[in-house]
Amino acid sequence: RWRIIDQFRKRLPESPPSEDLETNRETATIDRLPASSGEL
């Protein structure tokens, strides 16, 4: 899961580092995938 998230984050523009990197890693991309792409 973390490596999948990392791949999606590479598609995003550079952004300032978050104080809570792991939380940002978990919520920034993967939680939006099913709603935005129709994936399971």
ModelCIF file with pLDDT and N, C-alpha, C, O atoms, coordinates in Angstrom:
data_MODEL
#
_entry.id   MODEL 
#
_entity.id                         1 
_entity.type                       polymer 
_entity.pdbx_number_of_molecules   1 
#
_entity_poly.entity_id                      1 
_entity_poly.type                           'polypeptide(L)' 
_entity_poly.nstd_linkage                   no 
_entity_poly.nstd_monomer                   no 
_entity_poly.pdbx_seq_one_letter_code       RWRIIDQFRKRLPESPPSEDLETNRETATIDRLPASSGEL 
_entity_poly.pdbx_seq_one_letter_code_can   RWRIIDQFRKRLPESPPSEDLETNRETATIDRLPASSGEL 
_entity_poly.pdbx_strand_id                 A 
#
loop_
_entity_poly_seq.entity_id 
_entity_poly_seq.num 
_entity_poly_seq.mon_id 
_entity_poly_seq.hetero 
1 1  ARG n 
1 2  TRP n 
1 3  ARG n 
1 4  ILE n 
1 5  ILE n 
1 6  ASP n 
1 7  GLN n 
1 8  PHE n 
1 9  ARG n 
1 10 LYS n 
1 11 ARG n 
1 12 LEU n 
1 13 PRO n 
1 14 GLU n 
1 15 SER n 
1 16 PRO n 
1 17 PRO n 
1 18 SER n 
1 19 GLU n 
1 20 ASP n 
1 21 LEU n 
1 22 GLU n 
1 23 THR n 
1 24 ASN n 
1 25 ARG n 
1 26 GLU n 
1 27 THR n 
1 28 ALA n 
1 29 THR n 
1 30 ILE n 
1 31 ASP n 
1 32 ARG n 
1 33 LEU n 
1 34 PRO n 
1 35 ALA n 
1 36 SER n 
1 37 SER n 
1 38 GLY n 
1 39 GLU n 
1 40 LEU n 
#
_struct_asym.id          A 
_struct_asym.entity_id   1 
#
loop_
_ma_qa_metric.id 
_ma_qa_metric.mode 
_ma_qa_metric.name 
_ma_qa_metric.software_group_id 
_ma_qa_metric.type 
1 global pLDDT . pLDDT 
2 local  pLDDT . pLDDT 
#
_ma_qa_metric_global.metric_id      1 
_ma_qa_metric_global.metric_value   61.17 
_ma_qa_metric_global.model_id       1 
_ma_qa_metric_global.ordinal_id     1 
#
loop_
_ma_qa_metric_local.label_asym_id 
_ma_qa_metric_local.label_comp_id 
_ma_qa_metric_local.label_seq_id 
_ma_qa_metric_local.metric_id 
_ma_qa_metric_local.metric_value 
_ma_qa_metric_local.model_id 
_ma_qa_metric_local.ordinal_id 
A ARG 1  2 94.00 1 1  
A TRP 2  2 94.00 1 2  
A ARG 3  2 95.00 1 3  
A ILE 4  2 95.00 1 4  
A ILE 5  2 94.00 1 5  
A ASP 6  2 94.00 1 6  
A GLN 7  2 95.00 1 7  
A PHE 8  2 94.00 1 8  
A ARG 9  2 93.00 1 9  
A LYS 10 2 92.00 1 10 
A ARG 11 2 88.00 1 11 
A LEU 12 2 84.00 1 12 
A PRO 13 2 75.00 1 13 
A GLU 14 2 63.00 1 14 
A SER 15 2 53.00 1 15 
A PRO 16 2 54.00 1 16 
A PRO 17 2 51.00 1 17 
A SER 18 2 49.00 1 18 
A GLU 19 2 46.00 1 19 
A ASP 20 2 46.00 1 20 
A LEU 21 2 42.00 1 21 
A GLU 22 2 44.00 1 22 
A THR 23 2 44.00 1 23 
A ASN 24 2 47.00 1 24 
A ARG 25 2 47.00 1 25 
A GLU 26 2 45.00 1 26 
A THR 27 2 44.00 1 27 
A ALA 28 2 43.00 1 28 
A THR 29 2 46.00 1 29 
A ILE 30 2 48.00 1 30 
A ASP 31 2 46.00 1 31 
A ARG 32 2 44.00 1 32 
A LEU 33 2 47.00 1 33 
A PRO 34 2 41.00 1 34 
A ALA 35 2 38.00 1 35 
A SER 36 2 40.00 1 36 
A SER 37 2 43.00 1 37 
A GLY 38 2 44.00 1 38 
A GLU 39 2 50.00 1 39 
A LEU 40 2 55.00 1 40 
#
loop_
_atom_site.group_PDB 
_atom_site.id 
_atom_site.type_symbol 
_atom_site.label_atom_id 
_atom_site.label_alt_id 
_atom_site.label_comp_id 
_atom_site.label_asym_id 
_atom_site.label_entity_id 
_atom_site.label_seq_id 
_atom_site.pdbx_PDB_ins_code 
_atom_site.Cartn_x 
_atom_site.Cartn_y 
_atom_site.Cartn_z 
_atom_site.occupancy 
_atom_site.B_iso_or_equiv 
_atom_site.pdbx_formal_charge 
_atom_site.auth_seq_id 
_atom_site.auth_comp_id 
_atom_site.auth_asym_id 
_atom_site.auth_atom_id 
_atom_site.pdbx_PDB_model_num 
ATOM 1   N N  . ARG A 1 1  ? 0.827   -1.204 0.000   1.00 94.00 ? 1  ARG A N  1 
ATOM 2   C CA . ARG A 1 1  ? 0.000   0.000  0.000   1.00 94.00 ? 1  ARG A CA 1 
ATOM 3   C C  . ARG A 1 1  ? 0.867   1.262  0.000   1.00 94.00 ? 1  ARG A C  1 
ATOM 4   O O  . ARG A 1 1  ? 0.626   2.189  -0.774  1.00 94.00 ? 1  ARG A O  1 
ATOM 5   N N  . TRP A 1 2  ? 1.868   1.290  0.866   1.00 94.00 ? 2  TRP A N  1 
ATOM 6   C CA . TRP A 1 2  ? 2.723   2.470  0.949   1.00 94.00 ? 2  TRP A CA 1 
ATOM 7   C C  . TRP A 1 2  ? 3.458   2.719  -0.363  1.00 94.00 ? 2  TRP A C  1 
ATOM 8   O O  . TRP A 1 2  ? 3.635   3.865  -0.775  1.00 94.00 ? 2  TRP A O  1 
ATOM 9   N N  . ARG A 1 3  ? 3.889   1.629  -1.023  1.00 95.00 ? 3  ARG A N  1 
ATOM 10  C CA . ARG A 1 3  ? 4.606   1.809  -2.292  1.00 95.00 ? 3  ARG A CA 1 
ATOM 11  C C  . ARG A 1 3  ? 3.670   2.235  -3.415  1.00 95.00 ? 3  ARG A C  1 
ATOM 12  O O  . ARG A 1 3  ? 4.078   2.969  -4.315  1.00 95.00 ? 3  ARG A O  1 
ATOM 13  N N  . ILE A 1 4  ? 2.421   1.784  -3.374  1.00 95.00 ? 4  ILE A N  1 
ATOM 14  C CA . ILE A 1 4  ? 1.424   2.249  -4.345  1.00 95.00 ? 4  ILE A CA 1 
ATOM 15  C C  . ILE A 1 4  ? 1.169   3.741  -4.151  1.00 95.00 ? 4  ILE A C  1 
ATOM 16  O O  . ILE A 1 4  ? 1.109   4.503  -5.117  1.00 95.00 ? 4  ILE A O  1 
ATOM 17  N N  . ILE A 1 5  ? 1.020   4.149  -2.888  1.00 94.00 ? 5  ILE A N  1 
ATOM 18  C CA . ILE A 1 5  ? 0.812   5.563  -2.580  1.00 94.00 ? 5  ILE A CA 1 
ATOM 19  C C  . ILE A 1 5  ? 1.995   6.392  -3.082  1.00 94.00 ? 5  ILE A C  1 
ATOM 20  O O  . ILE A 1 5  ? 1.808   7.468  -3.652  1.00 94.00 ? 5  ILE A O  1 
ATOM 21  N N  . ASP A 1 6  ? 3.208   5.890  -2.869  1.00 94.00 ? 6  ASP A N  1 
ATOM 22  C CA . ASP A 1 6  ? 4.397   6.608  -3.319  1.00 94.00 ? 6  ASP A CA 1 
ATOM 23  C C  . ASP A 1 6  ? 4.367   6.851  -4.823  1.00 94.00 ? 6  ASP A C  1 
ATOM 24  O O  . ASP A 1 6  ? 4.778   7.912  -5.293  1.00 94.00 ? 6  ASP A O  1 
ATOM 25  N N  . GLN A 1 7  ? 3.882   5.871  -5.572  1.00 95.00 ? 7  GLN A N  1 
ATOM 26  C CA . GLN A 1 7  ? 3.824   6.034  -7.023  1.00 95.00 ? 7  GLN A CA 1 
ATOM 27  C C  . GLN A 1 7  ? 2.825   7.130  -7.412  1.00 95.00 ? 7  GLN A C  1 
ATOM 28  O O  . GLN A 1 7  ? 3.079   7.906  -8.334  1.00 95.00 ? 7  GLN A O  1 
ATOM 29  N N  . PHE A 1 8  ? 1.702   7.191  -6.715  1.00 94.00 ? 8  PHE A N  1 
ATOM 30  C CA . PHE A 1 8  ? 0.735   8.260  -7.008  1.00 94.00 ? 8  PHE A CA 1 
ATOM 31  C C  . PHE A 1 8  ? 1.288   9.623  -6.598  1.00 94.00 ? 8  PHE A C  1 
ATOM 32  O O  . PHE A 1 8  ? 1.045   10.626 -7.270  1.00 94.00 ? 8  PHE A O  1 
ATOM 33  N N  . ARG A 1 9  ? 2.023   9.655  -5.507  1.00 93.00 ? 9  ARG A N  1 
ATOM 34  C CA . ARG A 1 9  ? 2.590   10.925 -5.051  1.00 93.00 ? 9  ARG A CA 1 
ATOM 35  C C  . ARG A 1 9  ? 3.618   11.463 -6.040  1.00 93.00 ? 9  ARG A C  1 
ATOM 36  O O  . ARG A 1 9  ? 3.798   12.675 -6.156  1.00 93.00 ? 9  ARG A O  1 
ATOM 37  N N  . LYS A 1 10 ? 4.296   10.555 -6.756  1.00 92.00 ? 10 LYS A N  1 
ATOM 38  C CA . LYS A 1 10 ? 5.272   10.991 -7.755  1.00 92.00 ? 10 LYS A CA 1 
ATOM 39  C C  . LYS A 1 10 ? 4.599   11.725 -8.914  1.00 92.00 ? 10 LYS A C  1 
ATOM 40  O O  . LYS A 1 10 ? 5.239   12.503 -9.622  1.00 92.00 ? 10 LYS A O  1 
ATOM 41  N N  . ARG A 1 11 ? 3.310   11.473 -9.098  1.00 88.00 ? 11 ARG A N  1 
ATOM 42  C CA . ARG A 1 11 ? 2.584   12.156 -10.174 1.00 88.00 ? 11 ARG A CA 1 
ATOM 43  C C  . ARG A 1 11 ? 2.201   13.582 -9.794  1.00 88.00 ? 11 ARG A C  1 
ATOM 44  O O  . ARG A 1 11 ? 1.888   14.399 -10.661 1.00 88.00 ? 11 ARG A O  1 
ATOM 45  N N  . LEU A 1 12 ? 2.227   13.879 -8.489  1.00 84.00 ? 12 LEU A N  1 
ATOM 46  C CA . LEU A 1 12 ? 1.769   15.180 -8.010  1.00 84.00 ? 12 LEU A CA 1 
ATOM 47  C C  . LEU A 1 12 ? 2.890   16.204 -8.077  1.00 84.00 ? 12 LEU A C  1 
ATOM 48  O O  . LEU A 1 12 ? 4.066   15.845 -8.015  1.00 84.00 ? 12 LEU A O  1 
ATOM 49  N N  . PRO A 1 13 ? 2.528   17.493 -8.204  1.00 75.00 ? 13 PRO A N  1 
ATOM 50  C CA . PRO A 1 13 ? 3.553   18.544 -8.162  1.00 75.00 ? 13 PRO A CA 1 
ATOM 51  C C  . PRO A 1 13 ? 4.257   18.529 -6.812  1.00 75.00 ? 13 PRO A C  1 
ATOM 52  O O  . PRO A 1 13 ? 3.715   18.047 -5.818  1.00 75.00 ? 13 PRO A O  1 
ATOM 53  N N  . GLU A 1 14 ? 5.472   19.064 -6.795  1.00 63.00 ? 14 GLU A N  1 
ATOM 54  C CA . GLU A 1 14 ? 6.219   19.150 -5.542  1.00 63.00 ? 14 GLU A CA 1 
ATOM 55  C C  . GLU A 1 14 ? 5.442   19.986 -4.536  1.00 63.00 ? 14 GLU A C  1 
ATOM 56  O O  . GLU A 1 14 ? 4.887   21.029 -4.881  1.00 63.00 ? 14 GLU A O  1 
ATOM 57  N N  . SER A 1 15 ? 5.405   19.522 -3.287  1.00 53.00 ? 15 SER A N  1 
ATOM 58  C CA . SER A 1 15 ? 4.703   20.265 -2.244  1.00 53.00 ? 15 SER A CA 1 
ATOM 59  C C  . SER A 1 15 ? 5.573   20.290 -0.999  1.00 53.00 ? 15 SER A C  1 
ATOM 60  O O  . SER A 1 15 ? 6.435   19.427 -0.835  1.00 53.00 ? 15 SER A O  1 
ATOM 61  N N  . PRO A 1 16 ? 5.364   21.270 -0.114  1.00 54.00 ? 16 PRO A N  1 
ATOM 62  C CA . PRO A 1 16 ? 6.168   21.339 1.113   1.00 54.00 ? 16 PRO A CA 1 
ATOM 63  C C  . PRO A 1 16 ? 6.010   20.076 1.934   1.00 54.00 ? 16 PRO A C  1 
ATOM 64  O O  . PRO A 1 16 ? 4.912   19.521 1.986   1.00 54.00 ? 16 PRO A O  1 
ATOM 65  N N  . PRO A 1 17 ? 7.070   19.599 2.581   1.00 51.00 ? 17 PRO A N  1 
ATOM 66  C CA . PRO A 1 17 ? 6.979   18.380 3.397   1.00 51.00 ? 17 PRO A CA 1 
ATOM 67  C C  . PRO A 1 17 ? 6.003   18.552 4.547   1.00 51.00 ? 17 PRO A C  1 
ATOM 68  O O  . PRO A 1 17 ? 5.936   19.611 5.171   1.00 51.00 ? 17 PRO A O  1 
ATOM 69  N N  . SER A 1 18 ? 5.248   17.499 4.818   1.00 49.00 ? 18 SER A N  1 
ATOM 70  C CA . SER A 1 18 ? 4.281   17.543 5.912   1.00 49.00 ? 18 SER A CA 1 
ATOM 71  C C  . SER A 1 18 ? 4.960   17.186 7.214   1.00 49.00 ? 18 SER A C  1 
ATOM 72  O O  . SER A 1 18 ? 5.914   16.409 7.230   1.00 49.00 ? 18 SER A O  1 
ATOM 73  N N  . GLU A 1 19 ? 4.468   17.756 8.319   1.00 46.00 ? 19 GLU A N  1 
ATOM 74  C CA . GLU A 1 19 ? 5.010   17.408 9.630   1.00 46.00 ? 19 GLU A CA 1 
ATOM 75  C C  . GLU A 1 19 ? 4.687   15.972 9.981   1.00 46.00 ? 19 GLU A C  1 
ATOM 76  O O  . GLU A 1 19 ? 5.446   15.304 10.683  1.00 46.00 ? 19 GLU A O  1 
ATOM 77  N N  . ASP A 1 20 ? 3.552   15.503 9.485   1.00 46.00 ? 20 ASP A N  1 
ATOM 78  C CA . ASP A 1 20 ? 3.151   14.120 9.747   1.00 46.00 ? 20 ASP A CA 1 
ATOM 79  C C  . ASP A 1 20 ? 3.170   13.372 8.422   1.00 46.00 ? 20 ASP A C  1 
ATOM 80  O O  . ASP A 1 20 ? 2.126   13.180 7.799   1.00 46.00 ? 20 ASP A O  1 
ATOM 81  N N  . LEU A 1 21 ? 4.360   12.948 7.987   1.00 42.00 ? 21 LEU A N  1 
ATOM 82  C CA . LEU A 1 21 ? 4.525   12.357 6.673   1.00 42.00 ? 21 LEU A CA 1 
ATOM 83  C C  . LEU A 1 21 ? 3.711   11.096 6.492   1.00 42.00 ? 21 LEU A C  1 
ATOM 84  O O  . LEU A 1 21 ? 3.085   10.912 5.447   1.00 42.00 ? 21 LEU A O  1 
ATOM 85  N N  . GLU A 1 22 ? 3.703   10.206 7.502   1.00 44.00 ? 22 GLU A N  1 
ATOM 86  C CA . GLU A 1 22 ? 2.998   8.946  7.340   1.00 44.00 ? 22 GLU A CA 1 
ATOM 87  C C  . GLU A 1 22 ? 1.498   9.160  7.218   1.00 44.00 ? 22 GLU A C  1 
ATOM 88  O O  . GLU A 1 22 ? 0.842   8.488  6.421   1.00 44.00 ? 22 GLU A O  1 
ATOM 89  N N  . THR A 1 23 ? 0.941   10.091 7.999   1.00 44.00 ? 23 THR A N  1 
ATOM 90  C CA . THR A 1 23 ? -0.493  10.375 7.901   1.00 44.00 ? 23 THR A CA 1 
ATOM 91  C C  . THR A 1 23 ? -0.819  10.919 6.529   1.00 44.00 ? 23 THR A C  1 
ATOM 92  O O  . THR A 1 23 ? -1.803  10.512 5.911   1.00 44.00 ? 23 THR A O  1 
ATOM 93  N N  . ASN A 1 24 ? 0.014   11.850 6.042   1.00 47.00 ? 24 ASN A N  1 
ATOM 94  C CA . ASN A 1 24 ? -0.200  12.420 4.725   1.00 47.00 ? 24 ASN A CA 1 
ATOM 95  C C  . ASN A 1 24 ? -0.091  11.332 3.657   1.00 47.00 ? 24 ASN A C  1 
ATOM 96  O O  . ASN A 1 24 ? -0.856  11.304 2.693   1.00 47.00 ? 24 ASN A O  1 
ATOM 97  N N  . ARG A 1 25 ? 0.880   10.439 3.855   1.00 47.00 ? 25 ARG A N  1 
ATOM 98  C CA . ARG A 1 25 ? 1.094   9.342  2.920   1.00 47.00 ? 25 ARG A CA 1 
ATOM 99  C C  . ARG A 1 25 ? -0.136  8.459  2.833   1.00 47.00 ? 25 ARG A C  1 
ATOM 100 O O  . ARG A 1 25 ? -0.497  7.987  1.754   1.00 47.00 ? 25 ARG A O  1 
ATOM 101 N N  . GLU A 1 26 ? -0.775  8.238  3.965   1.00 45.00 ? 26 GLU A N  1 
ATOM 102 C CA . GLU A 1 26 ? -1.934  7.357  4.020   1.00 45.00 ? 26 GLU A CA 1 
ATOM 103 C C  . GLU A 1 26 ? -3.182  7.991  3.415   1.00 45.00 ? 26 GLU A C  1 
ATOM 104 O O  . GLU A 1 26 ? -3.958  7.305  2.750   1.00 45.00 ? 26 GLU A O  1 
ATOM 105 N N  . THR A 1 27 ? -3.389  9.296  3.636   1.00 44.00 ? 27 THR A N  1 
ATOM 106 C CA . THR A 1 27 ? -4.667  9.890  3.291   1.00 44.00 ? 27 THR A CA 1 
ATOM 107 C C  . THR A 1 27 ? -4.658  10.703 2.013   1.00 44.00 ? 27 THR A C  1 
ATOM 108 O O  . THR A 1 27 ? -5.713  10.913 1.415   1.00 44.00 ? 27 THR A O  1 
ATOM 109 N N  . ALA A 1 28 ? -3.500  11.163 1.580   1.00 43.00 ? 28 ALA A N  1 
ATOM 110 C CA . ALA A 1 28 ? -3.473  12.107 0.473   1.00 43.00 ? 28 ALA A CA 1 
ATOM 111 C C  . ALA A 1 28 ? -3.943  11.496 -0.831  1.00 43.00 ? 28 ALA A C  1 
ATOM 112 O O  . ALA A 1 28 ? -4.545  12.190 -1.651  1.00 43.00 ? 28 ALA A O  1 
ATOM 113 N N  . THR A 1 29 ? -3.681  10.204 -1.044  1.00 46.00 ? 29 THR A N  1 
ATOM 114 C CA . THR A 1 29 ? -3.952  9.621  -2.339  1.00 46.00 ? 29 THR A CA 1 
ATOM 115 C C  . THR A 1 29 ? -4.867  8.409  -2.278  1.00 46.00 ? 29 THR A C  1 
ATOM 116 O O  . THR A 1 29 ? -5.905  8.365  -2.938  1.00 46.00 ? 29 THR A O  1 
ATOM 117 N N  . ILE A 1 30 ? -4.471  7.432  -1.481  1.00 48.00 ? 30 ILE A N  1 
ATOM 118 C CA . ILE A 1 30 ? -5.122  6.137  -1.562  1.00 48.00 ? 30 ILE A CA 1 
ATOM 119 C C  . ILE A 1 30 ? -6.588  6.184  -1.165  1.00 48.00 ? 30 ILE A C  1 
ATOM 120 O O  . ILE A 1 30 ? -7.400  5.444  -1.721  1.00 48.00 ? 30 ILE A O  1 
ATOM 121 N N  . ASP A 1 31 ? -6.942  7.041  -0.214  1.00 46.00 ? 31 ASP A N  1 
ATOM 122 C CA . ASP A 1 31 ? -8.332  7.095  0.220   1.00 46.00 ? 31 ASP A CA 1 
ATOM 123 C C  . ASP A 1 31 ? -9.241  7.683  -0.845  1.00 46.00 ? 31 ASP A C  1 
ATOM 124 O O  . ASP A 1 31 ? -10.458 7.502  -0.788  1.00 46.00 ? 31 ASP A O  1 
ATOM 125 N N  . ARG A 1 32 ? -8.670  8.384  -1.814  1.00 44.00 ? 32 ARG A N  1 
ATOM 126 C CA . ARG A 1 32 ? -9.487  8.987  -2.848  1.00 44.00 ? 32 ARG A CA 1 
ATOM 127 C C  . ARG A 1 32 ? -9.644  8.090  -4.068  1.00 44.00 ? 32 ARG A C  1 
ATOM 128 O O  . ARG A 1 32 ? -10.467 8.366  -4.942  1.00 44.00 ? 32 ARG A O  1 
ATOM 129 N N  . LEU A 1 33 ? -8.859  7.020  -4.131  1.00 47.00 ? 33 LEU A N  1 
ATOM 130 C CA . LEU A 1 33 ? -8.842  6.219  -5.338  1.00 47.00 ? 33 LEU A CA 1 
ATOM 131 C C  . LEU A 1 33 ? -10.189 5.607  -5.704  1.00 47.00 ? 33 LEU A C  1 
ATOM 132 O O  . LEU A 1 33 ? -10.634 5.797  -6.836  1.00 47.00 ? 33 LEU A O  1 
ATOM 133 N N  . PRO A 1 34 ? -10.863 4.882  -4.812  1.00 41.00 ? 34 PRO A N  1 
ATOM 134 C CA . PRO A 1 34 ? -12.119 4.268  -5.219  1.00 41.00 ? 34 PRO A CA 1 
ATOM 135 C C  . PRO A 1 34 ? -13.152 5.286  -5.675  1.00 41.00 ? 34 PRO A C  1 
ATOM 136 O O  . PRO A 1 34 ? -13.847 5.054  -6.664  1.00 41.00 ? 34 PRO A O  1 
ATOM 137 N N  . ALA A 1 35 ? -13.267 6.403  -4.980  1.00 38.00 ? 35 ALA A N  1 
ATOM 138 C CA . ALA A 1 35 ? -14.283 7.392  -5.320  1.00 38.00 ? 35 ALA A CA 1 
ATOM 139 C C  . ALA A 1 35 ? -13.980 8.071  -6.649  1.00 38.00 ? 35 ALA A C  1 
ATOM 140 O O  . ALA A 1 35 ? -14.898 8.395  -7.403  1.00 38.00 ? 35 ALA A O  1 
ATOM 141 N N  . SER A 1 36 ? -12.680 8.292  -6.946  1.00 40.00 ? 36 SER A N  1 
ATOM 142 C CA . SER A 1 36 ? -12.341 9.049  -8.138  1.00 40.00 ? 36 SER A CA 1 
ATOM 143 C C  . SER A 1 36 ? -12.166 8.178  -9.369  1.00 40.00 ? 36 SER A C  1 
ATOM 144 O O  . SER A 1 36 ? -12.423 8.635  -10.483 1.00 40.00 ? 36 SER A O  1 
ATOM 145 N N  . SER A 1 37 ? -11.729 6.923  -9.196  1.00 43.00 ? 37 SER A N  1 
ATOM 146 C CA . SER A 1 37 ? -11.422 6.103  -10.361 1.00 43.00 ? 37 SER A CA 1 
ATOM 147 C C  . SER A 1 37 ? -12.342 4.914  -10.543 1.00 43.00 ? 37 SER A C  1 
ATOM 148 O O  . SER A 1 37 ? -12.266 4.224  -11.559 1.00 43.00 ? 37 SER A O  1 
ATOM 149 N N  . GLY A 1 38 ? -13.210 4.663  -9.575  1.00 44.00 ? 38 GLY A N  1 
ATOM 150 C CA . GLY A 1 38 ? -14.113 3.530  -9.679  1.00 44.00 ? 38 GLY A CA 1 
ATOM 151 C C  . GLY A 1 38 ? -13.465 2.199  -9.347  1.00 44.00 ? 38 GLY A C  1 
ATOM 152 O O  . GLY A 1 38 ? -14.090 1.152  -9.522  1.00 44.00 ? 38 GLY A O  1 
ATOM 153 N N  . GLU A 1 39 ? -12.223 2.214  -8.871  1.00 50.00 ? 39 GLU A N  1 
ATOM 154 C CA . GLU A 1 39 ? -11.551 0.972  -8.517  1.00 50.00 ? 39 GLU A CA 1 
ATOM 155 C C  . GLU A 1 39 ? -12.086 0.440  -7.189  1.00 50.00 ? 39 GLU A C  1 
ATOM 156 O O  . GLU A 1 39 ? -12.662 1.176  -6.387  1.00 50.00 ? 39 GLU A O  1 
ATOM 157 N N  . LEU A 1 40 ? -11.876 -0.866 -6.981  1.00 55.00 ? 40 LEU A N  1 
ATOM 158 C CA . LEU A 1 40 ? -12.264 -1.467 -5.711  1.00 55.00 ? 40 LEU A CA 1 
ATOM 159 C C  . LEU A 1 40 ? -11.380 -0.929 -4.595  1.00 55.00 ? 40 LEU A C  1 
ATOM 160 O O  . LEU A 1 40 ? -11.545 -1.312 -3.437  1.00 55.00 ? 40 LEU A O  1 
#
